[in-house]
Every structure is written in structure tokens, then in C-alpha cells.
């Protein structure tokens, strides 16, 4: 499964907005991988930030 897809699935499974650290814990991915993937997801507008430092799928 692609990194971005893992992140989206983890967010949907949590049912709430998550911090990057929580996403890392849930997916078991490396911090650098998560940071890169989240940058892509933000650019593609697939995730939004309802409040500072928290992210959820759009």
C-alpha cells in the first residue's frame, strides 16, 4: 500500500483529526516518509487542518 493511502486510511479509521505523531504511531511509518506524504496530500487538497497541527481527510 502506498504511504499516502496508509495515512488516509489511518485518519479515516481514527474518526478524528490527528497530529503527525499520532499518524506515525498508527501507521508505523518513518517520520520523514509521513512528512513527505502529508506535504503531497496537502498540495492535492486531500487532507485539511481543522485546527493547528491536526489533520483529517477532506
N, C-alpha and C. Protein backbone atom coordinates (compact mmCIF):
# COMPACT_ATOMS: atom_id res chain seq x y z
N UNK A 1 0.85 -1.18 0.00
CA UNK A 1 0.00 0.00 0.00
C UNK A 1 0.89 1.25 0.00
N UNK A 2 0.51 2.23 -0.75
CA UNK A 2 1.27 3.47 -0.85
C UNK A 2 1.21 4.26 0.47
N UNK A 3 2.24 4.99 0.77
CA UNK A 3 2.34 5.75 2.02
C UNK A 3 1.15 6.69 2.20
N UNK A 4 0.82 7.44 1.14
CA UNK A 4 -0.30 8.39 1.27
C UNK A 4 -1.61 7.67 1.56
N UNK A 5 -1.79 6.51 0.96
CA UNK A 5 -3.01 5.73 1.19
C UNK A 5 -3.06 5.23 2.63
N UNK A 6 -1.92 4.78 3.16
CA UNK A 6 -1.86 4.34 4.56
C UNK A 6 -2.26 5.46 5.51
N UNK A 7 -1.79 6.66 5.21
CA UNK A 7 -2.09 7.82 6.06
C UNK A 7 -3.58 8.14 6.02
N UNK A 8 -4.17 8.15 4.82
CA UNK A 8 -5.60 8.42 4.69
C UNK A 8 -6.42 7.37 5.44
N UNK A 9 -6.06 6.10 5.28
CA UNK A 9 -6.77 5.02 5.97
C UNK A 9 -6.67 5.16 7.49
N UNK A 10 -5.50 5.52 7.99
CA UNK A 10 -5.31 5.71 9.43
C UNK A 10 -6.18 6.86 9.93
N UNK A 11 -6.25 7.93 9.16
CA UNK A 11 -7.08 9.08 9.54
C UNK A 11 -8.56 8.71 9.57
N UNK A 12 -9.00 8.01 8.54
CA UNK A 12 -10.41 7.60 8.48
C UNK A 12 -10.74 6.64 9.62
N UNK A 13 -9.82 5.72 9.91
CA UNK A 13 -10.03 4.75 10.99
C UNK A 13 -10.10 5.38 12.36
N UNK A 14 -9.37 6.46 12.56
CA UNK A 14 -9.34 7.14 13.86
C UNK A 14 -10.65 7.89 14.11
N UNK A 15 -11.25 8.39 13.05
CA UNK A 15 -12.52 9.09 13.20
C UNK A 15 -12.38 10.47 13.84
N UNK A 16 -11.17 10.98 13.91
CA UNK A 16 -10.94 12.32 14.47
C UNK A 16 -9.69 12.90 13.82
N UNK A 17 -9.49 14.19 14.01
CA UNK A 17 -8.29 14.85 13.49
C UNK A 17 -7.09 14.36 14.28
N UNK A 18 -5.98 14.11 13.58
CA UNK A 18 -4.78 13.56 14.20
C UNK A 18 -3.59 14.48 14.03
N UNK A 19 -2.68 14.41 15.00
CA UNK A 19 -1.39 15.08 14.88
C UNK A 19 -0.47 14.15 14.08
N UNK A 20 0.59 14.72 13.53
CA UNK A 20 1.54 13.92 12.74
C UNK A 20 2.11 12.78 13.58
N UNK A 21 2.40 13.02 14.83
CA UNK A 21 2.94 11.98 15.72
C UNK A 21 1.99 10.82 15.88
N UNK A 22 0.71 11.10 15.96
CA UNK A 22 -0.30 10.04 16.08
C UNK A 22 -0.38 9.23 14.78
N UNK A 23 -0.24 9.89 13.66
CA UNK A 23 -0.26 9.20 12.37
C UNK A 23 0.94 8.26 12.28
N UNK A 24 2.10 8.73 12.72
CA UNK A 24 3.31 7.90 12.72
C UNK A 24 3.09 6.65 13.57
N UNK A 25 2.50 6.82 14.75
CA UNK A 25 2.24 5.67 15.64
C UNK A 25 1.27 4.69 15.00
N UNK A 26 0.20 5.20 14.41
CA UNK A 26 -0.83 4.32 13.83
C UNK A 26 -0.34 3.56 12.60
N UNK A 27 0.49 4.21 11.79
CA UNK A 27 0.92 3.59 10.54
C UNK A 27 2.22 2.81 10.67
N UNK A 28 3.04 3.17 11.66
CA UNK A 28 4.33 2.53 11.82
C UNK A 28 5.35 2.99 10.79
N UNK A 29 5.05 4.10 10.12
CA UNK A 29 5.95 4.63 9.10
C UNK A 29 7.00 5.54 9.73
N UNK A 30 8.06 5.79 8.97
CA UNK A 30 9.13 6.69 9.40
C UNK A 30 8.63 8.14 9.34
N UNK A 31 9.10 8.97 10.26
CA UNK A 31 8.67 10.37 10.32
C UNK A 31 8.90 11.10 9.00
N UNK A 32 10.06 10.88 8.38
CA UNK A 32 10.36 11.57 7.11
C UNK A 32 9.39 11.16 6.02
N UNK A 33 9.03 9.86 5.99
CA UNK A 33 8.07 9.37 4.99
C UNK A 33 6.71 10.05 5.19
N UNK A 34 6.29 10.12 6.46
CA UNK A 34 4.99 10.73 6.77
C UNK A 34 5.00 12.21 6.41
N UNK A 35 6.06 12.92 6.75
CA UNK A 35 6.15 14.34 6.42
C UNK A 35 6.05 14.58 4.91
N UNK A 36 6.78 13.77 4.13
CA UNK A 36 6.74 13.91 2.66
C UNK A 36 5.34 13.63 2.13
N UNK A 37 4.74 12.54 2.60
CA UNK A 37 3.42 12.14 2.12
C UNK A 37 2.36 13.17 2.50
N UNK A 38 2.46 13.72 3.70
CA UNK A 38 1.48 14.72 4.12
C UNK A 38 1.62 16.01 3.31
N UNK A 39 2.84 16.34 2.92
CA UNK A 39 3.04 17.52 2.07
C UNK A 39 2.32 17.31 0.73
N UNK A 40 2.45 16.12 0.17
CA UNK A 40 1.77 15.78 -1.09
C UNK A 40 0.25 15.84 -0.90
N UNK A 41 -0.24 15.25 0.19
CA UNK A 41 -1.68 15.24 0.45
C UNK A 41 -2.23 16.66 0.62
N UNK A 42 -1.46 17.53 1.27
CA UNK A 42 -1.88 18.93 1.44
C UNK A 42 -1.96 19.63 0.08
N UNK A 43 -0.92 19.41 -0.76
CA UNK A 43 -0.90 20.03 -2.08
C UNK A 43 -2.05 19.55 -2.95
N UNK A 44 -2.42 18.29 -2.81
CA UNK A 44 -3.53 17.71 -3.59
C UNK A 44 -4.87 17.99 -2.94
N UNK A 45 -4.85 18.69 -1.79
CA UNK A 45 -6.06 19.04 -1.03
C UNK A 45 -6.87 17.81 -0.63
N UNK A 46 -6.17 16.73 -0.27
CA UNK A 46 -6.85 15.52 0.19
C UNK A 46 -6.98 15.49 1.71
N UNK A 47 -6.20 16.34 2.40
CA UNK A 47 -6.33 16.47 3.85
C UNK A 47 -6.48 17.95 4.19
N UNK A 48 -7.16 18.20 5.31
CA UNK A 48 -7.36 19.56 5.78
C UNK A 48 -6.98 19.64 7.25
N UNK A 49 -6.76 20.85 7.71
CA UNK A 49 -6.41 21.08 9.10
C UNK A 49 -7.55 21.84 9.79
N UNK A 50 -8.37 21.12 10.60
CA UNK A 50 -9.48 21.81 11.28
C UNK A 50 -8.98 22.73 12.39
N UNK A 51 -7.82 22.42 12.95
CA UNK A 51 -7.17 23.29 13.92
C UNK A 51 -5.67 23.06 13.84
N UNK A 52 -4.91 23.97 14.35
CA UNK A 52 -3.46 23.95 14.19
C UNK A 52 -2.84 22.61 14.59
N UNK A 53 -2.02 22.07 13.72
CA UNK A 53 -1.26 20.83 13.92
C UNK A 53 -2.10 19.56 13.91
N UNK A 54 -3.37 19.65 13.58
CA UNK A 54 -4.22 18.47 13.47
C UNK A 54 -4.68 18.34 12.02
N UNK A 55 -4.76 17.09 11.56
CA UNK A 55 -5.11 16.83 10.16
C UNK A 55 -6.18 15.77 10.05
N UNK A 56 -7.03 15.89 9.03
CA UNK A 56 -8.07 14.89 8.75
C UNK A 56 -8.32 14.85 7.26
N UNK A 57 -8.88 13.74 6.77
CA UNK A 57 -9.18 13.65 5.33
C UNK A 57 -10.27 14.64 4.97
N UNK A 58 -10.20 15.15 3.76
CA UNK A 58 -11.18 16.13 3.29
C UNK A 58 -12.49 15.47 2.97
